[in-house]
N, C-alpha and C. Protein backbone atom coordinates (compact mmCIF):
# COMPACT_ATOMS: atom_id res chain seq x y z
N MET A 1 85.16 98.40 96.19
CA MET A 1 85.45 99.69 96.99
C MET A 1 84.51 100.55 95.95
N ASP A 2 84.19 101.63 96.42
CA ASP A 2 83.09 102.89 96.09
C ASP A 2 84.10 103.41 94.73
N ARG A 3 83.59 103.79 94.16
CA ARG A 3 83.50 104.33 92.87
C ARG A 3 84.23 105.58 92.97
N PHE A 4 84.10 106.42 93.79
CA PHE A 4 84.75 107.96 94.54
C PHE A 4 85.09 107.28 96.14
N ALA A 5 86.58 107.81 96.10
CA ALA A 5 87.29 107.66 97.42
C ALA A 5 88.27 108.56 97.67
N THR A 6 88.04 109.19 98.91
CA THR A 6 89.42 110.38 99.42
C THR A 6 90.47 109.16 99.28
N PRO A 7 91.57 109.86 99.58
CA PRO A 7 92.84 109.19 99.67
C PRO A 7 93.15 108.38 101.07
N ALA A 8 92.72 109.22 102.11
CA ALA A 8 92.18 108.71 103.27
C ALA A 8 91.52 107.43 103.19
N ALA A 9 90.38 107.82 102.94
CA ALA A 9 89.42 106.36 102.73
C ALA A 9 90.02 105.18 101.93
N LEU A 10 91.02 105.37 100.75
CA LEU A 10 91.54 104.27 100.34
C LEU A 10 92.73 103.80 101.39
N VAL A 11 93.60 104.64 101.53
CA VAL A 11 94.61 104.23 102.42
C VAL A 11 93.90 103.30 103.82
N ASN A 12 92.66 103.56 104.45
CA ASN A 12 92.18 102.80 105.22
C ASN A 12 92.03 101.37 104.34
N ARG A 13 91.33 101.70 103.41
CA ARG A 13 90.57 100.15 102.52
C ARG A 13 92.13 99.33 102.80
N LEU A 14 93.15 99.64 102.04
CA LEU A 14 94.47 99.16 101.98
C LEU A 14 94.68 98.59 103.24
N GLU A 15 94.66 99.35 104.32
CA GLU A 15 95.32 98.77 105.47
C GLU A 15 94.14 97.61 106.30
N GLU A 16 92.79 97.81 106.20
CA GLU A 16 92.08 97.02 106.08
C GLU A 16 92.14 95.75 105.39
N MET A 17 92.42 95.63 104.17
CA MET A 17 92.64 94.57 103.55
C MET A 17 93.66 94.11 103.96
N GLN A 18 94.83 94.67 104.06
CA GLN A 18 95.78 94.05 104.74
C GLN A 18 95.89 93.10 105.93
N LYS A 19 95.11 93.74 106.99
CA LYS A 19 94.78 92.91 107.76
C LYS A 19 94.26 91.65 108.06
N GLN A 20 93.49 91.62 107.19
CA GLN A 20 92.60 90.47 106.79
C GLN A 20 93.03 89.50 105.71
N TYR A 21 94.24 89.67 105.42
CA TYR A 21 95.07 89.11 104.19
C TYR A 21 94.25 88.91 102.81
N GLN A 22 93.67 90.26 102.58
CA GLN A 22 93.31 90.24 101.36
C GLN A 22 93.56 91.20 100.48
N LEU A 23 94.76 91.58 100.55
CA LEU A 23 95.38 92.82 99.65
C LEU A 23 95.42 92.56 98.63
N GLU A 24 95.91 91.18 98.45
CA GLU A 24 96.28 91.40 96.66
C GLU A 24 95.50 91.17 95.90
N ARG A 25 94.21 90.75 96.51
CA ARG A 25 92.76 90.49 96.00
C ARG A 25 92.31 91.81 95.77
N PHE A 26 92.31 92.92 96.57
CA PHE A 26 92.07 94.35 96.44
C PHE A 26 93.15 94.77 95.43
N LEU A 27 94.47 94.71 95.38
CA LEU A 27 95.17 95.30 94.54
C LEU A 27 94.89 95.07 93.39
N LYS A 28 94.40 93.72 92.46
CA LYS A 28 93.94 93.17 91.46
C LYS A 28 92.53 93.88 91.56
N GLN A 29 91.79 94.00 92.04
CA GLN A 29 90.46 95.03 91.79
C GLN A 29 90.73 96.63 91.14
N LEU A 30 91.85 96.99 91.87
CA LEU A 30 92.16 98.45 91.43
C LEU A 30 92.51 98.18 90.26
N ASP A 31 93.67 97.11 89.92
CA ASP A 31 94.12 97.08 88.89
C ASP A 31 93.35 97.18 87.34
N LYS A 32 92.06 96.86 87.58
CA LYS A 32 90.89 96.89 86.54
C LYS A 32 90.26 98.12 86.23
N LEU A 33 90.64 99.12 87.22
CA LEU A 33 90.06 100.46 86.77
C LEU A 33 90.95 101.03 85.82
N GLU A 34 90.49 101.59 84.66
CA GLU A 34 91.13 102.36 83.83
C GLU A 34 91.45 103.65 84.30
N LEU A 35 91.19 104.22 84.93
CA LEU A 35 91.78 105.60 85.66
C LEU A 35 91.38 105.50 87.10
N LEU A 36 92.82 105.77 88.07
CA LEU A 36 92.42 106.15 88.99
C LEU A 36 92.87 107.19 89.63
N VAL A 37 91.89 108.39 90.38
CA VAL A 37 91.92 109.45 90.61
C VAL A 37 91.96 109.37 91.83
N CYS A 38 93.29 110.26 92.49
CA CYS A 38 93.40 110.44 93.73
C CYS A 38 93.16 111.94 94.08
N ASP A 39 92.23 112.53 94.62
CA ASP A 39 92.08 114.13 94.86
C ASP A 39 92.30 114.35 96.11
N GLU A 40 92.86 115.82 96.04
CA GLU A 40 93.05 116.58 97.18
C GLU A 40 94.37 115.44 98.18
N LEU A 41 95.52 114.73 97.33
CA LEU A 41 96.35 114.18 97.85
C LEU A 41 97.12 114.62 99.43
N GLY A 42 97.46 116.14 99.32
CA GLY A 42 98.18 116.76 100.24
C GLY A 42 97.08 117.14 101.72
N TYR A 43 95.96 116.67 101.36
CA TYR A 43 95.06 117.23 102.50
C TYR A 43 95.34 116.55 104.01
N LEU A 44 95.99 115.42 103.66
CA LEU A 44 95.96 114.78 105.37
C LEU A 44 97.39 113.75 104.90
N SER A 45 97.97 113.83 106.11
CA SER A 45 99.25 112.60 105.96
C SER A 45 98.56 111.34 106.63
N PHE A 46 99.81 110.59 105.87
CA PHE A 46 99.65 109.04 106.62
C PHE A 46 100.50 108.40 107.30
N ASN A 47 100.06 107.43 107.92
CA ASN A 47 101.53 106.67 108.80
C ASN A 47 101.97 106.15 107.80
N ARG A 48 103.38 105.83 108.07
CA ARG A 48 104.20 105.17 107.04
C ARG A 48 103.50 104.06 106.57
N SER A 49 103.18 102.94 107.10
CA SER A 49 102.43 102.03 106.49
C SER A 49 101.35 102.55 105.80
N GLY A 50 100.61 103.42 105.73
CA GLY A 50 99.80 103.76 104.55
C GLY A 50 100.06 104.24 103.80
N ALA A 51 101.41 104.89 103.97
CA ALA A 51 102.12 105.71 102.86
C ALA A 51 102.41 104.76 101.79
N GLU A 52 103.38 103.96 102.57
CA GLU A 52 103.90 102.65 101.41
C GLU A 52 102.74 101.98 100.57
N LEU A 53 101.90 101.60 101.03
CA LEU A 53 100.94 101.12 100.97
C LEU A 53 100.07 102.09 99.37
N LEU A 54 99.74 103.25 99.86
CA LEU A 54 99.35 103.95 98.27
C LEU A 54 100.47 104.13 97.50
N PHE A 55 101.56 104.32 98.07
CA PHE A 55 102.94 104.33 96.62
C PHE A 55 102.71 102.96 96.22
N GLN A 56 102.40 102.15 96.82
CA GLN A 56 102.41 100.62 96.00
C GLN A 56 101.27 100.41 94.96
N VAL A 57 100.25 101.11 95.08
CA VAL A 57 99.44 100.81 94.15
C VAL A 57 99.78 101.80 93.24
N PHE A 58 100.03 103.28 93.30
CA PHE A 58 100.48 103.91 92.37
C PHE A 58 102.09 103.30 91.76
N ALA A 59 102.68 102.58 92.19
CA ALA A 59 103.79 102.12 91.49
C ALA A 59 103.52 101.07 90.66
N ASP A 60 102.20 100.10 91.08
CA ASP A 60 101.78 99.23 90.57
C ASP A 60 101.23 99.32 89.00
N ARG A 61 100.76 100.81 89.07
CA ARG A 61 99.72 101.40 87.92
C ARG A 61 100.67 101.36 86.81
N TYR A 62 102.05 101.79 87.20
CA TYR A 62 102.82 102.00 86.01
C TYR A 62 102.88 101.19 84.61
N GLU A 63 102.51 101.77 83.47
CA GLU A 63 102.52 101.30 82.51
C GLU A 63 101.21 100.40 82.41
N ARG A 64 100.33 100.25 83.36
CA ARG A 64 99.36 99.27 83.36
C ARG A 64 97.71 100.37 83.38
N GLY A 65 97.89 101.47 83.78
CA GLY A 65 97.00 102.13 83.83
C GLY A 65 97.25 103.14 84.24
N SER A 66 96.07 104.30 84.14
CA SER A 66 96.27 105.73 84.27
C SER A 66 95.77 106.25 85.51
N LEU A 67 96.64 106.97 85.99
CA LEU A 67 96.55 107.43 87.20
C LEU A 67 96.43 109.03 87.04
N LEU A 68 95.56 109.46 87.97
CA LEU A 68 95.58 111.16 88.21
C LEU A 68 95.81 111.56 89.63
N ILE A 69 96.67 112.33 89.69
CA ILE A 69 97.03 112.75 91.53
C ILE A 69 96.48 114.30 91.29
N THR A 70 95.97 114.70 92.07
CA THR A 70 95.73 116.08 92.72
C THR A 70 96.18 116.69 93.87
N SER A 71 96.24 117.93 94.06
CA SER A 71 96.61 118.30 95.71
C SER A 71 96.07 119.73 96.03
N ASN A 72 95.89 120.05 97.04
CA ASN A 72 95.47 121.32 97.51
C ASN A 72 96.96 122.23 98.10
N LEU A 73 97.92 121.34 97.95
CA LEU A 73 98.90 122.30 98.57
C LEU A 73 99.75 123.06 97.10
N PRO A 74 100.15 124.24 97.72
CA PRO A 74 100.96 124.91 96.61
C PRO A 74 102.12 124.30 96.28
N PHE A 75 102.59 124.53 95.01
CA PHE A 75 103.65 123.42 94.46
C PHE A 75 105.11 124.03 94.90
N SER A 76 105.20 124.85 95.66
CA SER A 76 106.32 125.11 96.67
C SER A 76 106.32 123.98 97.90
N GLU A 77 104.98 123.62 98.42
CA GLU A 77 104.69 122.73 99.62
C GLU A 77 104.95 121.43 99.11
N CYS A 78 104.95 121.12 97.87
CA CYS A 78 104.82 119.71 97.29
C CYS A 78 105.95 118.92 98.03
N SER A 79 107.47 119.12 97.94
CA SER A 79 108.68 118.45 98.26
C SER A 79 109.00 118.38 99.82
N LYS A 80 108.36 119.34 100.41
CA LYS A 80 108.47 119.22 101.80
C LYS A 80 107.94 117.65 102.73
N GLU A 81 108.61 117.09 103.47
CA GLU A 81 108.18 116.32 104.10
C GLU A 81 107.11 116.53 105.24
N SER A 82 106.26 115.93 105.51
CA SER A 82 105.26 116.29 106.70
C SER A 82 106.13 115.58 107.93
N GLY A 83 105.82 116.46 108.91
CA GLY A 83 106.07 115.92 109.93
C GLY A 83 105.26 115.00 111.11
């Protein structure tokens, strides 16, 4: 994976790796990163499977690696579901 990727590119790559039955290997590569930066998370919405894969990456980092998430959405918009 490139050193810098948008959340959309990361989700696309996760879905691609899942289709190729290489998701576990890719997740292990992500685990090796000391810091994962997900910039402008609120810019695009994802389909359900893509969002679930991205959440899996975030959840897997709990207590194992640092995660920085930024969003271009105002704080008041962060809790709303996208339709």
